[in-house]
Amino acid sequence: MGTPPPGTGTPPPGTGTPGLSDSDDPRVARLGGLLERADTLLQSSYHGRYSLAAEGEDTIADSFVEGVSCSGGRCVAADGTATAVADLLDLDAGTDLETIEAALDTRGGFDTATTSGSFENTQTLPDLTLTVSPEVTSYGFWGEHGFAALALGAGALAAEIDGTAFAGDFSLAQAYVAGAATGANPAGTGSATWTGIAEASPTGAFARLMGTATVTIADLSRPRVGVAIDVPGHAIGAPGWADMALGNGAFTSGTAGTDYLSGNFHGPAHEEAWGVFDTADYIGAFGAKRTQ
């Protein structure tokens, strides 16, 4: 992977997510309350592509991956900047409430909405000014205790380097999950299963893929977690996802950009499981509700 253009940064997870506090629709009101009390954020790496050219010059094109690490209520970007989850989940950004209410739908037992928004990021350094202006579409879904989204964006990229103007385009993709995790393991005996949905994108050609997710614990008295992501026509998974250690209601396997999956159980009775995945070929997020 190449080096990202300076100053692009990581777009806030809330990009394309509307302000939600005044909705009359109980489904949207529930989402607003859910995000307001969220203390846990899981994110995939931020994947991007760009191309730039000065007039009459050859085009420079590359792709890059920028990591963001989140633990509890705090996220740290690749440059070391730390941000609280509450600040990242900007409830006033993006589409208005009438648009989100008009877009409401259901899939796999979850409320869903596709929203669009835009952001502009400009950074000025010695001999360099860079501006990215993508339009971002967020494919979001939520239950009672968690919210997940796949954000895909594309737009203009402009730069001035040593007095020469460059123009081009910029694309991005990121997946994330937010909510209040239980912080405790499911208890009991026997097995347990959670089923739900997933949103994914190839890392080389940003596009929405819809699939399903299944989370299993074969023996609650000695809990190990298995997660299966099924997107027809696409092989998404890694051997380590089938048998993950469970601690304080959380499970993780692999390395970001290679074979990574991370998730948490949500709800007072562990009714839901939420997580993100980030491999060499796909990123995405999933949510699942307990069915057994």
Protein backbone atom coordinates (compact mmCIF):
# COMPACT_ATOMS: atom_id res chain seq x y z
CA MET A 1 0.00 0.00 0.00
CA GLY A 2 1.15 3.53 -0.67
CA THR A 3 1.34 6.49 1.67
CA PRO A 4 -1.92 8.44 2.05
CA PRO A 5 -1.99 12.00 0.82
CA PRO A 6 -1.02 14.29 3.73
CA GLY A 7 -3.88 15.72 5.73
CA THR A 8 -6.64 13.38 4.59
CA GLY A 9 -7.11 12.11 8.14
CA THR A 10 -9.84 9.73 9.24
CA PRO A 11 -13.39 10.92 8.59
CA PRO A 12 -15.58 10.89 11.70
CA PRO A 13 -17.66 7.72 12.06
CA GLY A 14 -20.75 9.93 12.25
CA THR A 15 -20.28 11.25 8.71
CA GLY A 16 -23.60 10.81 6.95
CA THR A 17 -25.38 10.08 10.25
CA PRO A 18 -28.14 12.55 11.08
CA GLY A 19 -28.96 14.48 14.22
CA LEU A 20 -31.49 12.24 15.91
CA SER A 21 -32.78 13.78 19.11
CA ASP A 22 -36.10 15.22 17.87
CA SER A 23 -37.51 12.38 15.78
CA ASP A 24 -41.13 11.33 16.17
CA ASP A 25 -40.36 7.85 14.84
CA PRO A 26 -39.54 5.57 17.80
CA ARG A 27 -37.01 3.64 15.71
CA VAL A 28 -35.00 6.77 15.02
CA ALA A 29 -35.46 8.03 18.57
CA ARG A 30 -34.07 4.72 19.84
CA LEU A 31 -31.02 5.12 17.60
CA GLY A 32 -30.45 8.63 18.93
CA GLY A 33 -30.56 7.42 22.52
CA LEU A 34 -28.32 4.48 21.69
CA LEU A 35 -25.60 6.70 20.22
CA GLU A 36 -25.85 9.24 23.01
CA ARG A 37 -25.08 6.59 25.65
CA ALA A 38 -22.49 4.72 23.56
CA ASP A 39 -19.21 4.11 25.37
CA THR A 40 -17.65 1.58 22.98
CA LEU A 41 -16.53 2.07 19.38
CA LEU A 42 -15.00 -0.56 17.11
CA GLN A 43 -13.62 0.50 13.72
CA SER A 44 -12.07 -1.12 10.70
CA SER A 45 -9.04 0.50 9.17
CA TYR A 46 -9.78 3.49 6.97
CA HIS A 47 -9.15 2.49 3.34
CA GLY A 48 -8.62 5.11 0.64
CA ARG A 49 -7.64 5.61 -2.98
CA TYR A 50 -6.54 8.78 -4.72
CA SER A 51 -5.34 10.10 -8.05
CA LEU A 52 -3.72 13.48 -8.77
CA ALA A 53 -2.38 15.22 -11.85
CA ALA A 54 -1.23 18.69 -12.83
CA GLU A 55 -2.44 20.04 -16.16
CA GLY A 56 -0.57 18.26 -18.92
CA GLU A 57 1.21 15.93 -16.47
CA ASP A 58 0.92 12.19 -15.83
CA THR A 59 -1.54 11.04 -13.19
CA ILE A 60 -0.26 9.83 -9.83
CA ALA A 61 -2.53 7.18 -8.31
CA ASP A 62 -2.23 5.07 -5.18
CA SER A 63 -4.18 3.41 -2.37
CA PHE A 64 -3.58 3.39 1.36
CA VAL A 65 -4.78 2.07 4.71
CA GLU A 66 -4.87 4.19 7.84
CA GLY A 67 -5.42 2.43 11.15
CA VAL A 68 -7.52 3.64 14.08
CA SER A 69 -7.35 1.86 17.42
CA CYS A 70 -10.27 2.09 19.85
CA SER A 71 -10.38 0.84 23.42
CA GLY A 72 -13.36 1.51 25.65
CA GLY A 73 -14.43 5.11 25.17
CA ARG A 74 -11.21 6.34 23.53
CA CYS A 75 -9.90 6.08 19.95
CA VAL A 76 -6.34 6.79 18.79
CA ALA A 77 -5.57 7.65 15.16
CA ALA A 78 -2.41 6.71 13.27
CA ASP A 79 -0.83 10.08 14.14
CA GLY A 80 -1.37 9.50 17.87
CA THR A 81 -4.34 11.84 18.23
CA ALA A 82 -6.82 10.58 20.83
CA THR A 83 -10.55 11.26 20.60
CA ALA A 84 -13.44 10.28 22.85
CA VAL A 85 -16.16 8.08 21.37
CA ALA A 86 -18.79 10.70 22.28
CA ASP A 87 -16.96 13.28 20.17
CA LEU A 88 -16.54 10.94 17.19
CA LEU A 89 -20.25 10.09 17.08
CA ASP A 90 -21.41 13.50 15.90
CA LEU A 91 -25.18 13.51 16.25
CA ASP A 92 -25.56 16.82 14.41
CA ALA A 93 -23.76 15.86 11.18
CA GLY A 94 -25.25 14.72 7.92
CA THR A 95 -28.77 14.17 6.71
CA ASP A 96 -31.87 15.77 8.24
CA LEU A 97 -34.41 13.74 10.21
CA GLU A 98 -37.08 13.77 7.52
CA THR A 99 -34.64 12.09 5.15
CA ILE A 100 -33.64 9.39 7.64
CA GLU A 101 -37.27 8.69 8.50
CA ALA A 102 -38.17 8.40 4.83
CA ALA A 103 -35.29 5.94 4.35
CA LEU A 104 -36.20 3.65 7.25
CA ASP A 105 -36.47 -0.03 6.43
CA THR A 106 -35.86 -3.39 8.06
CA ARG A 107 -33.55 -6.28 7.22
CA GLY A 108 -32.91 -9.42 9.20
CA GLY A 109 -34.73 -8.06 12.25
CA PHE A 110 -32.77 -4.79 12.32
CA ASP A 111 -33.86 -1.25 11.53
CA THR A 112 -31.85 0.10 8.60
CA ALA A 113 -31.34 3.40 6.82
CA THR A 114 -29.11 4.58 3.99
CA THR A 115 -28.05 8.20 4.44
CA SER A 116 -25.72 10.55 2.63
CA GLY A 117 -23.60 13.46 3.77
CA SER A 118 -20.37 15.19 2.89
CA PHE A 119 -17.32 16.59 4.59
CA GLU A 120 -14.36 18.72 3.57
CA ASN A 121 -10.91 18.39 5.04
CA THR A 122 -8.23 20.97 4.22
CA GLN A 123 -4.70 21.00 5.54
CA THR A 124 -1.97 23.51 4.82
CA LEU A 125 1.68 22.64 5.30
CA PRO A 126 4.83 24.34 4.02
CA ASP A 127 4.65 24.19 0.20
CA LEU A 128 1.48 22.04 0.33
CA THR A 129 -2.25 22.69 0.53
CA LEU A 130 -4.56 19.69 0.25
CA THR A 131 -8.37 19.51 0.22
CA VAL A 132 -10.56 16.40 0.00
CA SER A 133 -14.34 16.79 -0.50
CA PRO A 134 -16.06 13.40 -0.68
CA GLU A 135 -19.77 12.62 -0.60
CA VAL A 136 -20.24 9.77 1.89
CA THR A 137 -23.05 7.20 1.90
CA SER A 138 -23.59 5.37 5.18
CA TYR A 139 -25.36 2.00 5.22
CA GLY A 140 -26.43 1.81 8.85
CA PHE A 141 -28.43 -0.67 10.93
CA TRP A 142 -29.33 -0.89 14.59
CA GLY A 143 -31.10 -3.02 17.16
CA GLU A 144 -31.87 -2.33 20.80
CA HIS A 145 -28.27 -2.17 22.02
CA GLY A 146 -25.93 -1.46 19.11
CA PHE A 147 -25.44 0.41 15.84
CA ALA A 148 -23.25 -0.50 12.86
CA ALA A 149 -22.50 1.15 9.55
CA LEU A 150 -20.47 0.79 6.40
CA ALA A 151 -19.42 4.21 5.05
CA LEU A 152 -18.38 4.58 1.40
CA GLY A 153 -17.36 7.87 -0.15
CA ALA A 154 -15.99 9.46 -3.28
CA GLY A 155 -15.27 13.02 -4.36
CA ALA A 156 -12.79 15.64 -5.45
CA LEU A 157 -9.19 15.97 -4.33
CA ALA A 158 -7.30 19.22 -4.94
CA ALA A 159 -3.75 20.17 -4.03
CA GLU A 160 -1.20 22.90 -4.53
CA ILE A 161 2.39 21.67 -4.26
CA ASP A 162 5.27 24.16 -4.56
CA GLY A 163 2.93 26.55 -6.37
CA THR A 164 1.64 23.96 -8.87
CA ALA A 165 -2.07 23.11 -8.85
CA PHE A 166 -3.10 19.45 -8.93
CA ALA A 167 -6.60 17.99 -9.25
CA GLY A 168 -7.98 14.49 -8.97
CA ASP A 169 -10.34 12.25 -7.07
CA PHE A 170 -10.49 10.49 -3.73
CA SER A 171 -12.41 7.42 -2.48
CA LEU A 172 -12.78 5.98 1.02
CA ALA A 173 -14.32 3.12 2.97
CA GLN A 174 -14.67 2.37 6.67
CA ALA A 175 -16.89 0.22 8.88
CA TYR A 176 -17.70 0.77 12.55
CA VAL A 177 -19.86 -0.35 15.46
CA ALA A 178 -21.00 1.71 18.44
CA GLY A 179 -22.95 1.01 21.59
CA ALA A 180 -22.71 0.24 25.28
CA ALA A 181 -21.04 -3.16 25.62
CA THR A 182 -21.93 -5.39 28.57
CA GLY A 183 -18.35 -5.92 29.74
CA ALA A 184 -19.29 -9.42 30.93
CA ASN A 185 -19.49 -12.88 29.37
CA PRO A 186 -22.77 -14.70 28.69
CA ALA A 187 -23.47 -17.17 31.48
CA GLY A 188 -25.19 -20.53 31.65
CA THR A 189 -24.79 -24.00 30.21
CA GLY A 190 -25.28 -25.52 26.79
CA SER A 191 -24.78 -23.62 23.54
CA ALA A 192 -25.94 -20.22 22.28
CA THR A 193 -26.44 -18.71 18.82
CA TRP A 194 -26.87 -15.14 17.58
CA THR A 195 -27.96 -14.49 13.97
CA GLY A 196 -28.08 -11.24 12.04
CA ILE A 197 -26.77 -9.24 9.12
CA ALA A 198 -23.52 -7.79 7.79
CA GLU A 199 -22.52 -4.89 5.55
CA ALA A 200 -19.20 -5.27 3.72
CA SER A 201 -17.06 -3.75 0.99
CA PRO A 202 -14.12 -5.04 -1.04
CA THR A 203 -10.99 -3.07 -0.16
CA GLY A 204 -9.92 -2.78 -3.80
CA ALA A 205 -13.22 -1.67 -5.37
CA PHE A 206 -15.42 0.12 -2.88
CA ALA A 207 -18.96 -1.19 -3.22
CA ARG A 208 -21.73 -2.28 -0.88
CA LEU A 209 -22.13 -6.00 -0.22
CA MET A 210 -24.99 -7.31 1.94
CA GLY A 211 -24.78 -10.57 3.85
CA THR A 212 -25.56 -12.41 7.06
CA ALA A 213 -23.69 -13.04 10.30
CA THR A 214 -23.83 -15.97 12.72
CA VAL A 215 -22.20 -15.89 16.17
CA THR A 216 -21.96 -19.11 18.18
CA ILE A 217 -20.77 -20.30 21.57
CA ALA A 218 -20.67 -24.10 21.69
CA ASP A 219 -20.34 -24.33 25.49
CA LEU A 220 -21.36 -21.38 27.69
CA SER A 221 -19.56 -22.88 30.68
CA ARG A 222 -16.26 -22.70 28.76
CA PRO A 223 -17.02 -19.94 26.26
CA ARG A 224 -15.23 -19.69 22.92
CA VAL A 225 -16.78 -17.57 20.18
CA GLY A 226 -17.16 -18.39 16.50
CA VAL A 227 -18.23 -15.82 13.88
CA ALA A 228 -19.26 -16.66 10.31
CA ILE A 229 -19.84 -13.92 7.72
CA ASP A 230 -21.77 -15.10 4.64
CA VAL A 231 -21.90 -12.85 1.56
CA PRO A 232 -22.94 -14.79 -1.56
CA GLY A 233 -20.14 -14.94 -4.11
CA HIS A 234 -17.49 -13.66 -1.68
CA ALA A 235 -15.25 -15.63 0.69
CA ILE A 236 -14.97 -13.52 3.85
CA GLY A 237 -13.36 -15.06 6.89
CA ALA A 238 -10.25 -16.44 8.56
CA PRO A 239 -9.53 -19.64 10.49
CA GLY A 240 -9.11 -17.72 13.75
CA TRP A 241 -12.66 -16.39 13.61
CA ALA A 242 -14.07 -19.86 14.34
CA ASP A 243 -12.62 -20.17 17.86
CA MET A 244 -11.97 -16.90 19.70
CA ALA A 245 -11.31 -16.46 23.40
CA LEU A 246 -13.99 -14.50 25.26
CA GLY A 247 -13.10 -12.06 28.03
CA ASN A 248 -15.28 -9.38 29.64
CA GLY A 249 -17.82 -9.83 26.86
CA ALA A 250 -15.30 -9.10 24.08
CA PHE A 251 -13.63 -11.26 21.42
CA THR A 252 -10.83 -10.48 18.95
CA SER A 253 -8.76 -12.33 16.38
CA GLY A 254 -6.07 -11.46 13.85
CA THR A 255 -4.34 -8.30 12.64
CA ALA A 256 -6.00 -5.29 11.00
CA GLY A 257 -5.65 -5.38 7.23
CA THR A 258 -4.95 -9.11 7.22
CA ASP A 259 -7.45 -11.31 9.11
CA TYR A 260 -8.93 -9.08 11.82
CA LEU A 261 -12.29 -9.40 13.59
CA SER A 262 -13.34 -7.75 16.84
CA GLY A 263 -16.66 -7.75 18.64
CA ASN A 264 -18.61 -7.32 21.86
CA PHE A 265 -21.82 -8.58 23.39
CA HIS A 266 -24.42 -5.90 24.14
CA GLY A 267 -27.56 -5.80 26.26
CA PRO A 268 -28.25 -6.75 29.89
CA ALA A 269 -28.86 -10.39 28.92
CA HIS A 270 -26.30 -10.40 26.07
CA GLU A 271 -29.18 -10.19 23.60
CA GLU A 272 -26.98 -8.83 20.80
CA ALA A 273 -23.47 -9.24 19.40
CA TRP A 274 -21.76 -6.54 17.31
CA GLY A 275 -18.42 -6.35 15.57
CA VAL A 276 -16.20 -5.28 12.67
CA PHE A 277 -13.84 -7.17 10.36
CA ASP A 278 -10.85 -5.94 8.37
CA THR A 279 -8.99 -8.30 6.03
CA ALA A 280 -6.73 -7.91 3.01
CA ASP A 281 -9.79 -8.11 0.75
CA TYR A 282 -12.82 -6.90 2.72
CA ILE A 283 -13.93 -4.61 5.52
CA GLY A 284 -17.33 -4.61 7.17
CA ALA A 285 -19.53 -4.66 10.25
CA PHE A 286 -22.10 -7.08 11.63
CA GLY A 287 -24.87 -7.29 14.20
CA ALA A 288 -26.64 -10.38 15.49
CA LYS A 289 -29.51 -11.15 17.89
CA ARG A 290 -29.71 -14.15 20.16
CA THR A 291 -31.92 -16.86 18.74
CA GLN A 292 -30.94 -19.79 20.99
